[in-house]
């Protein structure tokens, strides 16, 4: 009886953490519902430990974090052109993601990990192209 209980406990512990993490798919498109050069969806609210799979549906795109637009202690990522990349978000907060070749055209998205009421101070400071800033501002309205 003790052996069965130990096995059940071990199995329960193994499944309790990682078993609930989800993977969300984001498509990188030349044209989508919100215009040209977009991530769809352009805003995600996920839990810590969840992953996002960025899929280059159209050619000429990548996904990478924007320097200065992620929580302290979070790891950045840089995807290769025309390649899928899966990123796991372990640190709660707000993340800015861009397609580097189309950043000036506003190809950006926002990911909220956990519950953030607002973007952190300075989230949109620095050299953010006008179109990218407009889209980030619209996305941050979802917080």
Protein backbone atom coordinates (compact mmCIF):
# COMPACT_ATOMS: atom_id res chain seq x y z
CA UNK A 1 0.00 0.00 0.00
CA UNK A 2 2.81 2.41 0.84
CA UNK A 3 4.45 1.74 -2.50
CA UNK A 4 1.29 2.72 -4.42
CA UNK A 5 0.88 5.90 -2.35
CA UNK A 6 4.48 6.94 -3.01
CA UNK A 7 4.08 6.32 -6.72
CA UNK A 8 0.84 8.31 -6.81
CA UNK A 9 2.45 11.18 -4.90
CA UNK A 10 5.50 11.24 -7.18
CA UNK A 11 3.33 11.19 -10.30
CA UNK A 12 1.12 13.97 -8.91
CA UNK A 13 4.13 16.17 -8.14
CA UNK A 14 5.63 15.58 -11.57
CA UNK A 15 2.43 16.60 -13.32
CA UNK A 16 1.46 19.51 -11.06
CA UNK A 17 3.85 22.17 -12.38
CA UNK A 18 4.68 21.79 -16.03
CA UNK A 19 1.42 20.03 -16.84
CA UNK A 20 -0.52 23.28 -16.79
CA UNK A 21 1.76 25.41 -18.98
CA UNK A 22 0.26 26.31 -22.33
CA UNK A 23 1.74 27.15 -25.70
CA UNK A 24 0.19 29.97 -27.70
CA UNK A 25 0.72 30.40 -31.45
CA UNK A 26 1.42 33.82 -32.96
CA UNK A 27 1.56 34.21 -36.74
CA UNK A 28 3.90 36.68 -38.44
CA UNK A 29 2.08 38.14 -41.45
CA UNK A 30 2.59 40.61 -44.28
CA UNK A 31 -1.09 41.51 -43.99
CA UNK A 32 -3.61 40.79 -41.29
CA UNK A 33 -6.75 42.13 -39.63
CA UNK A 34 -4.87 45.13 -38.15
CA UNK A 35 -3.07 46.10 -41.36
CA UNK A 36 0.28 45.31 -42.91
CA UNK A 37 3.30 43.78 -41.20
CA UNK A 38 1.62 42.37 -38.11
CA UNK A 39 1.76 39.70 -35.46
CA UNK A 40 -1.58 37.94 -34.98
CA UNK A 41 -2.61 38.17 -32.28
CA UNK A 42 -0.81 41.42 -31.46
CA UNK A 43 -1.54 41.14 -27.72
CA UNK A 44 -1.43 38.10 -25.45
CA UNK A 45 -2.13 37.66 -21.76
CA UNK A 46 -0.45 34.48 -20.51
CA UNK A 47 0.65 32.89 -17.24
CA UNK A 48 4.24 32.59 -16.05
CA UNK A 49 5.68 29.39 -17.50
CA UNK A 50 3.61 29.54 -20.68
CA UNK A 51 5.28 29.56 -24.09
CA UNK A 52 4.66 31.38 -27.34
CA UNK A 53 5.41 29.79 -30.71
CA UNK A 54 6.10 32.45 -33.34
CA UNK A 55 5.29 31.13 -36.83
CA UNK A 56 6.54 32.97 -39.94
CA UNK A 57 3.40 32.46 -42.01
CA UNK A 58 4.79 34.87 -44.62
CA UNK A 59 8.50 35.10 -45.49
CA UNK A 60 10.86 37.82 -44.33
CA UNK A 61 10.00 37.87 -40.61
CA UNK A 62 11.54 37.07 -37.26
CA UNK A 63 10.48 37.58 -33.64
CA UNK A 64 12.67 39.03 -30.92
CA UNK A 65 12.36 40.94 -27.68
CA UNK A 66 12.80 44.70 -27.77
CA UNK A 67 15.70 45.90 -25.64
CA UNK A 68 14.38 47.69 -22.55
CA UNK A 69 10.85 46.32 -23.00
CA UNK A 70 10.82 43.35 -20.66
CA UNK A 71 10.85 42.73 -16.93
CA UNK A 72 14.09 42.76 -14.99
CA UNK A 73 15.54 39.28 -14.83
CA UNK A 74 13.75 38.05 -17.95
CA UNK A 75 15.72 36.43 -20.75
CA UNK A 76 15.66 37.97 -24.20
CA UNK A 77 15.30 35.94 -27.39
CA UNK A 78 16.14 36.51 -31.05
CA UNK A 79 14.58 34.36 -33.73
CA UNK A 80 16.18 33.68 -37.09
CA UNK A 81 14.61 34.93 -40.31
CA UNK A 82 11.85 32.71 -41.69
CA UNK A 83 12.19 30.26 -38.78
CA UNK A 84 9.78 29.34 -36.01
CA UNK A 85 10.90 30.19 -32.51
CA UNK A 86 9.33 29.13 -29.25
CA UNK A 87 9.95 31.27 -26.18
CA UNK A 88 8.95 30.48 -22.60
CA UNK A 89 8.01 33.40 -20.37
CA UNK A 90 8.92 32.68 -16.74
CA UNK A 91 9.10 36.22 -15.33
CA UNK A 92 5.86 38.15 -14.79
CA UNK A 93 5.53 41.55 -16.44
CA UNK A 94 5.10 43.21 -19.83
CA UNK A 95 7.21 42.25 -22.87
CA UNK A 96 7.63 44.07 -26.17
CA UNK A 97 8.31 41.88 -29.21
CA UNK A 98 9.28 43.00 -32.71
CA UNK A 99 10.10 41.75 -36.17
CA UNK A 100 13.46 43.46 -36.65
CA UNK A 101 13.22 44.06 -40.43
CA UNK A 102 9.74 45.58 -40.04
CA UNK A 103 10.05 47.36 -36.68
CA UNK A 104 9.85 50.82 -38.28
CA UNK A 105 6.67 49.68 -40.05
CA UNK A 106 5.11 48.87 -36.67
CA UNK A 107 5.45 45.09 -36.63
CA UNK A 108 5.30 44.71 -32.86
CA UNK A 109 3.31 42.89 -30.22
CA UNK A 110 2.85 43.03 -26.46
CA UNK A 111 2.80 40.04 -24.13
CA UNK A 112 1.48 40.39 -20.59
CA UNK A 113 2.73 37.64 -18.30
CA UNK A 114 0.67 37.40 -15.12
CA UNK A 115 -1.42 40.38 -14.07
CA UNK A 116 0.01 43.79 -14.93
CA UNK A 117 -2.23 46.81 -14.43
CA UNK A 118 -0.04 49.10 -16.53
CA UNK A 119 3.17 49.07 -18.50
CA UNK A 120 6.26 49.76 -16.41
CA UNK A 121 7.66 53.30 -16.32
CA UNK A 122 9.88 53.91 -19.33
CA UNK A 123 8.40 51.08 -21.40
CA UNK A 124 8.10 53.31 -24.48
CA UNK A 125 11.19 55.43 -23.86
CA UNK A 126 14.14 55.40 -26.19
CA UNK A 127 14.22 55.08 -29.93
CA UNK A 128 10.85 53.59 -30.81
CA UNK A 129 9.72 54.25 -34.39
CA UNK A 130 6.48 56.23 -34.69
CA UNK A 131 4.35 53.42 -36.14
CA UNK A 132 5.70 50.90 -33.61
CA UNK A 133 4.96 53.31 -30.76
CA UNK A 134 1.39 53.83 -31.99
CA UNK A 135 0.78 50.07 -32.09
CA UNK A 136 2.41 49.50 -28.69
CA UNK A 137 0.19 52.23 -27.19
CA UNK A 138 -2.92 50.57 -28.65
CA UNK A 139 -1.83 47.14 -27.37
CA UNK A 140 -1.07 48.48 -23.90
CA UNK A 141 -4.71 49.56 -23.71
CA UNK A 142 -5.47 45.85 -23.16
CA UNK A 143 -3.73 45.81 -19.77
